[in-house]
Amino acid sequence: MSYASIKLDHAALRKLDRAAVRTLEKTAEAVHTEIVQAQVIPFDQGHLQNDSTFVDTAKSERGEVDIVSSTPYARRLYHHPEYNFSHEENPNAKAHWFEDWEEGGAQEDFAQKAFAKLYKQEAGI
């Protein structure tokens, strides 16, 4: 019985790993952009949507990114659909504004599709 020898190209593997990290960060930015464009975040003066919701890439090397809404009132607005949200600036404003992009939501496959497309570009494949 003969055995095949496999030689790994470690430089190429590192390049693909770096591309995956960059793609993860870009995918999170794309989801963030989609959420803003969908006009689902409650909007009064724009702080929650424009200044205080951002992509945190601090853990991207470990395969994790977060879209953070950092205002003190974000949690209260997010978890209370009974509030009467103004629809003047964002006609689709609501609580649970991430839900369309979560499992079971109308846009649940958006992140996967964006990652696949962006990874091909980043990795050059």
N, C-alpha and C. Protein backbone atom coordinates (compact mmCIF):
# COMPACT_ATOMS: atom_id res chain seq x y z
N MET A 1 0.84 -1.17 0.00
CA MET A 1 0.00 0.00 0.00
C MET A 1 0.89 1.24 0.00
N SER A 2 0.58 2.18 -0.88
CA SER A 2 1.35 3.42 -0.92
C SER A 2 0.50 4.57 -0.40
N TYR A 3 1.17 5.51 0.17
CA TYR A 3 0.50 6.67 0.74
C TYR A 3 0.88 7.91 -0.05
N ALA A 4 -0.09 8.78 -0.27
CA ALA A 4 0.16 10.03 -0.96
C ALA A 4 0.73 11.04 0.02
N SER A 5 1.57 11.86 -0.47
CA SER A 5 2.16 12.91 0.35
C SER A 5 1.45 14.23 0.04
N ILE A 6 1.07 14.91 1.08
CA ILE A 6 0.39 16.20 0.91
C ILE A 6 1.27 17.28 1.52
N LYS A 7 1.49 18.30 0.74
CA LYS A 7 2.28 19.43 1.23
C LYS A 7 1.39 20.66 1.25
N LEU A 8 1.25 21.26 2.42
CA LEU A 8 0.39 22.43 2.57
C LEU A 8 1.16 23.71 2.29
N ASP A 9 0.50 24.62 1.61
CA ASP A 9 1.08 25.94 1.35
C ASP A 9 0.62 26.86 2.49
N HIS A 10 1.43 26.96 3.53
CA HIS A 10 1.05 27.73 4.72
C HIS A 10 0.86 29.22 4.43
N ALA A 11 1.63 29.76 3.52
CA ALA A 11 1.47 31.17 3.16
C ALA A 11 0.10 31.40 2.52
N ALA A 12 -0.32 30.49 1.66
CA ALA A 12 -1.62 30.62 1.02
C ALA A 12 -2.74 30.46 2.05
N LEU A 13 -2.57 29.55 3.00
CA LEU A 13 -3.57 29.37 4.05
C LEU A 13 -3.68 30.62 4.93
N ARG A 14 -2.56 31.24 5.26
CA ARG A 14 -2.60 32.49 6.04
C ARG A 14 -3.31 33.59 5.26
N LYS A 15 -3.05 33.64 3.95
CA LYS A 15 -3.71 34.64 3.11
C LYS A 15 -5.23 34.43 3.12
N LEU A 16 -5.67 33.18 3.04
CA LEU A 16 -7.10 32.89 3.07
C LEU A 16 -7.70 33.22 4.44
N ASP A 17 -6.96 32.96 5.50
CA ASP A 17 -7.42 33.32 6.85
C ASP A 17 -7.59 34.83 6.98
N ARG A 18 -6.62 35.59 6.50
CA ARG A 18 -6.71 37.06 6.55
C ARG A 18 -7.89 37.55 5.73
N ALA A 19 -8.09 36.92 4.57
CA ALA A 19 -9.23 37.30 3.72
C ALA A 19 -10.55 37.02 4.43
N ALA A 20 -10.61 35.93 5.18
CA ALA A 20 -11.84 35.59 5.90
C ALA A 20 -12.13 36.63 6.99
N VAL A 21 -11.10 37.09 7.67
CA VAL A 21 -11.29 38.11 8.72
C VAL A 21 -11.77 39.41 8.09
N ARG A 22 -11.12 39.84 7.03
CA ARG A 22 -11.54 41.08 6.36
C ARG A 22 -12.97 40.95 5.83
N THR A 23 -13.29 39.78 5.30
CA THR A 23 -14.63 39.54 4.77
C THR A 23 -15.67 39.58 5.88
N LEU A 24 -15.36 39.01 7.02
CA LEU A 24 -16.27 39.06 8.16
C LEU A 24 -16.57 40.51 8.54
N GLU A 25 -15.54 41.33 8.60
CA GLU A 25 -15.72 42.74 8.94
C GLU A 25 -16.55 43.46 7.88
N LYS A 26 -16.28 43.19 6.62
CA LYS A 26 -17.04 43.82 5.53
C LYS A 26 -18.49 43.35 5.52
N THR A 27 -18.70 42.09 5.85
CA THR A 27 -20.07 41.56 5.90
C THR A 27 -20.86 42.25 7.00
N ALA A 28 -20.26 42.45 8.14
CA ALA A 28 -20.94 43.15 9.23
C ALA A 28 -21.27 44.58 8.81
N GLU A 29 -20.35 45.23 8.13
CA GLU A 29 -20.62 46.58 7.62
C GLU A 29 -21.77 46.57 6.62
N ALA A 30 -21.83 45.55 5.78
CA ALA A 30 -22.92 45.44 4.80
C ALA A 30 -24.26 45.24 5.50
N VAL A 31 -24.30 44.41 6.53
CA VAL A 31 -25.53 44.21 7.30
C VAL A 31 -25.94 45.53 7.97
N HIS A 32 -24.96 46.21 8.57
CA HIS A 32 -25.25 47.50 9.21
C HIS A 32 -25.85 48.48 8.19
N THR A 33 -25.24 48.56 7.03
CA THR A 33 -25.74 49.45 5.97
C THR A 33 -27.17 49.07 5.57
N GLU A 34 -27.43 47.79 5.42
CA GLU A 34 -28.77 47.31 5.06
C GLU A 34 -29.80 47.72 6.11
N ILE A 35 -29.43 47.60 7.37
CA ILE A 35 -30.36 47.96 8.45
C ILE A 35 -30.67 49.45 8.41
N VAL A 36 -29.65 50.26 8.22
CA VAL A 36 -29.86 51.72 8.13
C VAL A 36 -30.71 52.05 6.92
N GLN A 37 -30.41 51.45 5.78
CA GLN A 37 -31.19 51.73 4.56
C GLN A 37 -32.63 51.23 4.64
N ALA A 38 -32.86 50.19 5.43
CA ALA A 38 -34.22 49.69 5.61
C ALA A 38 -35.06 50.62 6.48
N GLN A 39 -34.41 51.57 7.13
CA GLN A 39 -35.07 52.59 7.95
C GLN A 39 -35.92 51.97 9.06
N VAL A 40 -35.34 50.98 9.75
CA VAL A 40 -36.07 50.30 10.83
C VAL A 40 -35.66 50.76 12.22
N ILE A 41 -34.55 51.47 12.34
CA ILE A 41 -34.09 51.95 13.65
C ILE A 41 -34.88 53.20 14.03
N PRO A 42 -35.42 53.23 15.24
CA PRO A 42 -36.13 54.45 15.66
C PRO A 42 -35.23 55.68 15.49
N PHE A 43 -35.82 56.75 15.00
CA PHE A 43 -35.04 57.93 14.64
C PHE A 43 -35.73 59.16 15.19
N ASP A 44 -34.98 59.87 16.03
CA ASP A 44 -35.48 61.15 16.52
C ASP A 44 -34.52 62.22 16.00
N GLN A 45 -33.32 62.22 16.55
CA GLN A 45 -32.30 63.17 16.09
C GLN A 45 -31.17 62.48 15.34
N GLY A 46 -31.24 61.18 15.22
CA GLY A 46 -30.25 60.45 14.44
C GLY A 46 -29.10 59.86 15.21
N HIS A 47 -29.04 60.11 16.53
CA HIS A 47 -27.89 59.62 17.29
C HIS A 47 -27.83 58.10 17.34
N LEU A 48 -28.94 57.46 17.59
CA LEU A 48 -28.94 56.00 17.70
C LEU A 48 -28.52 55.37 16.38
N GLN A 49 -29.10 55.81 15.30
CA GLN A 49 -28.81 55.23 13.99
C GLN A 49 -27.46 55.67 13.44
N ASN A 50 -27.18 56.95 13.49
CA ASN A 50 -26.03 57.49 12.77
C ASN A 50 -24.74 57.55 13.57
N ASP A 51 -24.83 57.79 14.84
CA ASP A 51 -23.61 57.95 15.64
C ASP A 51 -23.34 56.77 16.57
N SER A 52 -24.39 56.15 17.06
CA SER A 52 -24.24 55.19 18.15
C SER A 52 -24.46 53.73 17.76
N THR A 53 -24.74 53.46 16.52
CA THR A 53 -24.82 52.08 16.04
C THR A 53 -23.66 51.88 15.08
N PHE A 54 -22.81 50.91 15.41
CA PHE A 54 -21.57 50.73 14.66
C PHE A 54 -21.14 49.27 14.72
N VAL A 55 -20.18 48.92 13.86
CA VAL A 55 -19.62 47.57 13.85
C VAL A 55 -18.39 47.55 14.74
N ASP A 56 -18.39 46.65 15.70
CA ASP A 56 -17.25 46.45 16.59
C ASP A 56 -16.45 45.26 16.07
N THR A 57 -15.22 45.52 15.61
CA THR A 57 -14.38 44.47 15.02
C THR A 57 -13.27 44.02 15.96
N ALA A 58 -13.37 44.35 17.23
CA ALA A 58 -12.30 44.03 18.19
C ALA A 58 -12.01 42.53 18.26
N LYS A 59 -12.99 41.69 18.00
CA LYS A 59 -12.80 40.24 18.11
C LYS A 59 -12.81 39.55 16.74
N SER A 60 -12.64 40.31 15.68
CA SER A 60 -12.76 39.72 14.34
C SER A 60 -11.70 38.65 14.06
N GLU A 61 -10.54 38.77 14.67
CA GLU A 61 -9.49 37.75 14.49
C GLU A 61 -9.95 36.40 15.05
N ARG A 62 -10.89 36.43 15.97
CA ARG A 62 -11.43 35.20 16.56
C ARG A 62 -12.74 34.78 15.89
N GLY A 63 -13.11 35.47 14.81
CA GLY A 63 -14.31 35.11 14.07
C GLY A 63 -15.59 35.71 14.61
N GLU A 64 -15.48 36.83 15.30
CA GLU A 64 -16.67 37.45 15.89
C GLU A 64 -16.67 38.95 15.66
N VAL A 65 -17.77 39.45 15.19
CA VAL A 65 -18.00 40.89 15.10
C VAL A 65 -19.37 41.17 15.70
N ASP A 66 -19.57 42.39 16.13
CA ASP A 66 -20.84 42.78 16.72
C ASP A 66 -21.31 44.08 16.07
N ILE A 67 -22.61 44.17 15.88
CA ILE A 67 -23.22 45.45 15.52
C ILE A 67 -23.81 45.97 16.82
N VAL A 68 -23.28 47.09 17.29
CA VAL A 68 -23.58 47.60 18.61
C VAL A 68 -24.39 48.89 18.51
N SER A 69 -25.44 48.97 19.31
CA SER A 69 -26.17 50.23 19.50
C SER A 69 -25.84 50.65 20.93
N SER A 70 -25.03 51.68 21.06
CA SER A 70 -24.40 51.97 22.35
C SER A 70 -25.07 53.05 23.20
N THR A 71 -26.18 53.58 22.78
CA THR A 71 -26.82 54.61 23.60
C THR A 71 -27.47 53.98 24.83
N PRO A 72 -27.62 54.75 25.90
CA PRO A 72 -28.25 54.20 27.11
C PRO A 72 -29.69 53.76 26.87
N TYR A 73 -30.36 54.36 25.91
CA TYR A 73 -31.77 54.05 25.68
C TYR A 73 -31.98 53.00 24.59
N ALA A 74 -30.93 52.51 23.95
CA ALA A 74 -31.08 51.54 22.86
C ALA A 74 -31.76 50.26 23.32
N ARG A 75 -31.33 49.72 24.47
CA ARG A 75 -31.93 48.48 24.98
C ARG A 75 -33.42 48.67 25.25
N ARG A 76 -33.78 49.79 25.85
CA ARG A 76 -35.19 50.05 26.17
C ARG A 76 -36.02 50.11 24.89
N LEU A 77 -35.54 50.82 23.87
CA LEU A 77 -36.28 50.93 22.62
C LEU A 77 -36.36 49.58 21.91
N TYR A 78 -35.25 48.83 21.93
CA TYR A 78 -35.19 47.57 21.21
C TYR A 78 -36.18 46.54 21.76
N HIS A 79 -36.32 46.50 23.06
CA HIS A 79 -37.12 45.45 23.69
C HIS A 79 -38.56 45.86 24.03
N HIS A 80 -39.00 47.02 23.56
CA HIS A 80 -40.36 47.46 23.89
C HIS A 80 -41.14 47.85 22.63
N PRO A 81 -41.73 46.84 21.97
CA PRO A 81 -42.49 47.13 20.74
C PRO A 81 -43.76 47.93 21.00
N GLU A 82 -44.17 48.03 22.25
CA GLU A 82 -45.40 48.77 22.55
C GLU A 82 -45.20 50.29 22.43
N TYR A 83 -43.95 50.74 22.34
CA TYR A 83 -43.72 52.18 22.19
C TYR A 83 -44.30 52.67 20.87
N ASN A 84 -44.71 53.90 20.87
CA ASN A 84 -45.25 54.51 19.66
C ASN A 84 -44.11 55.20 18.93
N PHE A 85 -43.44 54.47 18.04
CA PHE A 85 -42.28 55.02 17.33
C PHE A 85 -42.71 55.99 16.25
N SER A 86 -42.00 57.10 16.17
CA SER A 86 -42.24 58.06 15.10
C SER A 86 -41.81 57.43 13.77
N HIS A 87 -42.61 57.66 12.74
CA HIS A 87 -42.28 57.16 11.41
C HIS A 87 -41.99 58.31 10.44
N GLU A 88 -41.76 59.48 11.03
CA GLU A 88 -41.50 60.66 10.20
C GLU A 88 -40.17 60.54 9.45
N GLU A 89 -39.10 60.20 10.15
CA GLU A 89 -37.78 60.08 9.52
C GLU A 89 -37.52 58.67 8.98
N ASN A 90 -37.90 57.67 9.75
CA ASN A 90 -37.73 56.28 9.33
C ASN A 90 -39.11 55.62 9.32
N PRO A 91 -39.69 55.47 8.14
CA PRO A 91 -41.07 54.97 8.06
C PRO A 91 -41.25 53.54 8.56
N ASN A 92 -40.17 52.79 8.68
CA ASN A 92 -40.27 51.40 9.14
C ASN A 92 -39.74 51.21 10.56
N ALA A 93 -39.58 52.30 11.29
CA ALA A 93 -39.01 52.24 12.64
C ALA A 93 -39.82 51.31 13.53
N LYS A 94 -39.07 50.51 14.32
CA LYS A 94 -39.72 49.54 15.19
C LYS A 94 -38.74 49.06 16.25
N ALA A 95 -39.26 48.35 17.22
CA ALA A 95 -38.42 47.63 18.17
C ALA A 95 -37.86 46.42 17.43
N HIS A 96 -36.90 45.75 18.01
CA HIS A 96 -36.32 44.54 17.41
C HIS A 96 -35.86 44.79 15.97
N TRP A 97 -35.17 45.90 15.75
CA TRP A 97 -34.80 46.29 14.40
C TRP A 97 -33.80 45.35 13.72
N PHE A 98 -33.18 44.45 14.45
CA PHE A 98 -32.28 43.48 13.83
C PHE A 98 -33.02 42.22 13.36
N GLU A 99 -34.25 42.03 13.76
CA GLU A 99 -34.93 40.75 13.58
C GLU A 99 -35.04 40.29 12.13
N ASP A 100 -35.16 41.18 11.18
CA ASP A 100 -35.27 40.76 9.78
C ASP A 100 -33.99 40.08 9.28
N TRP A 101 -32.87 40.35 9.93
CA TRP A 101 -31.58 39.79 9.50
C TRP A 101 -31.16 38.60 10.37
N GLU A 102 -32.00 38.24 11.33
CA GLU A 102 -31.74 37.10 12.19
C GLU A 102 -32.41 35.86 11.60
N GLU A 103 -32.11 34.70 12.18
CA GLU A 103 -32.72 33.45 11.74
C GLU A 103 -34.23 33.54 11.78
N GLY A 104 -34.86 33.19 10.67
CA GLY A 104 -36.31 33.26 10.57
C GLY A 104 -36.82 34.58 10.01
N GLY A 105 -35.95 35.57 9.90
CA GLY A 105 -36.35 36.87 9.37
C GLY A 105 -36.35 36.91 7.86
N ALA A 106 -36.96 37.92 7.31
CA ALA A 106 -37.08 38.06 5.86
C ALA A 106 -35.73 38.15 5.16
N GLN A 107 -34.72 38.65 5.85
CA GLN A 107 -33.38 38.82 5.26
C GLN A 107 -32.35 37.89 5.91
N GLU A 108 -32.80 36.77 6.45
CA GLU A 108 -31.91 35.90 7.22
C GLU A 108 -30.71 35.40 6.44
N ASP A 109 -30.80 35.29 5.13
CA ASP A 109 -29.67 34.79 4.34
C ASP A 109 -28.78 35.91 3.80
N PHE A 110 -29.09 37.14 4.14
CA PHE A 110 -28.31 38.27 3.61
C PHE A 110 -26.83 38.16 3.98
N ALA A 111 -26.53 37.91 5.24
CA ALA A 111 -25.13 37.88 5.69
C ALA A 111 -24.37 36.74 5.02
N GLN A 112 -24.97 35.57 4.90
CA GLN A 112 -24.30 34.45 4.27
C GLN A 112 -23.99 34.74 2.81
N LYS A 113 -24.96 35.30 2.11
CA LYS A 113 -24.75 35.63 0.69
C LYS A 113 -23.69 36.72 0.54
N ALA A 114 -23.76 37.73 1.40
CA ALA A 114 -22.76 38.81 1.33
C ALA A 114 -21.38 38.26 1.62
N PHE A 115 -21.25 37.40 2.64
CA PHE A 115 -19.95 36.83 2.98
C PHE A 115 -19.40 36.03 1.80
N ALA A 116 -20.21 35.20 1.19
CA ALA A 116 -19.75 34.37 0.07
C ALA A 116 -19.24 35.24 -1.08
N LYS A 117 -19.98 36.27 -1.40
CA LYS A 117 -19.58 37.17 -2.50
C LYS A 117 -18.30 37.93 -2.15
N LEU A 118 -18.27 38.50 -0.94
CA LEU A 118 -17.11 39.30 -0.53
C LEU A 118 -15.86 38.45 -0.34
N TYR A 119 -16.03 37.21 0.12
CA TYR A 119 -14.86 36.33 0.33
C TYR A 119 -14.19 36.01 -0.99
N LYS A 120 -14.98 35.77 -2.02
CA LYS A 120 -14.41 35.51 -3.35
C LYS A 120 -13.57 36.69 -3.81
N GLN A 121 -14.05 37.89 -3.55
CA GLN A 121 -13.29 39.10 -3.93
C GLN A 121 -12.03 39.23 -3.09
N GLU A 122 -12.16 39.09 -1.78
CA GLU A 122 -11.01 39.26 -0.88
C GLU A 122 -9.93 38.20 -1.09
N ALA A 123 -10.37 36.96 -1.30
CA ALA A 123 -9.42 35.85 -1.44
C ALA A 123 -8.91 35.71 -2.87
N GLY A 124 -9.54 36.40 -3.80
CA GLY A 124 -9.11 36.32 -5.19
C GLY A 124 -9.45 34.98 -5.83
N ILE A 125 -10.59 34.42 -5.43
CA ILE A 125 -10.97 33.14 -6.02
C ILE A 125 -12.26 33.26 -6.82
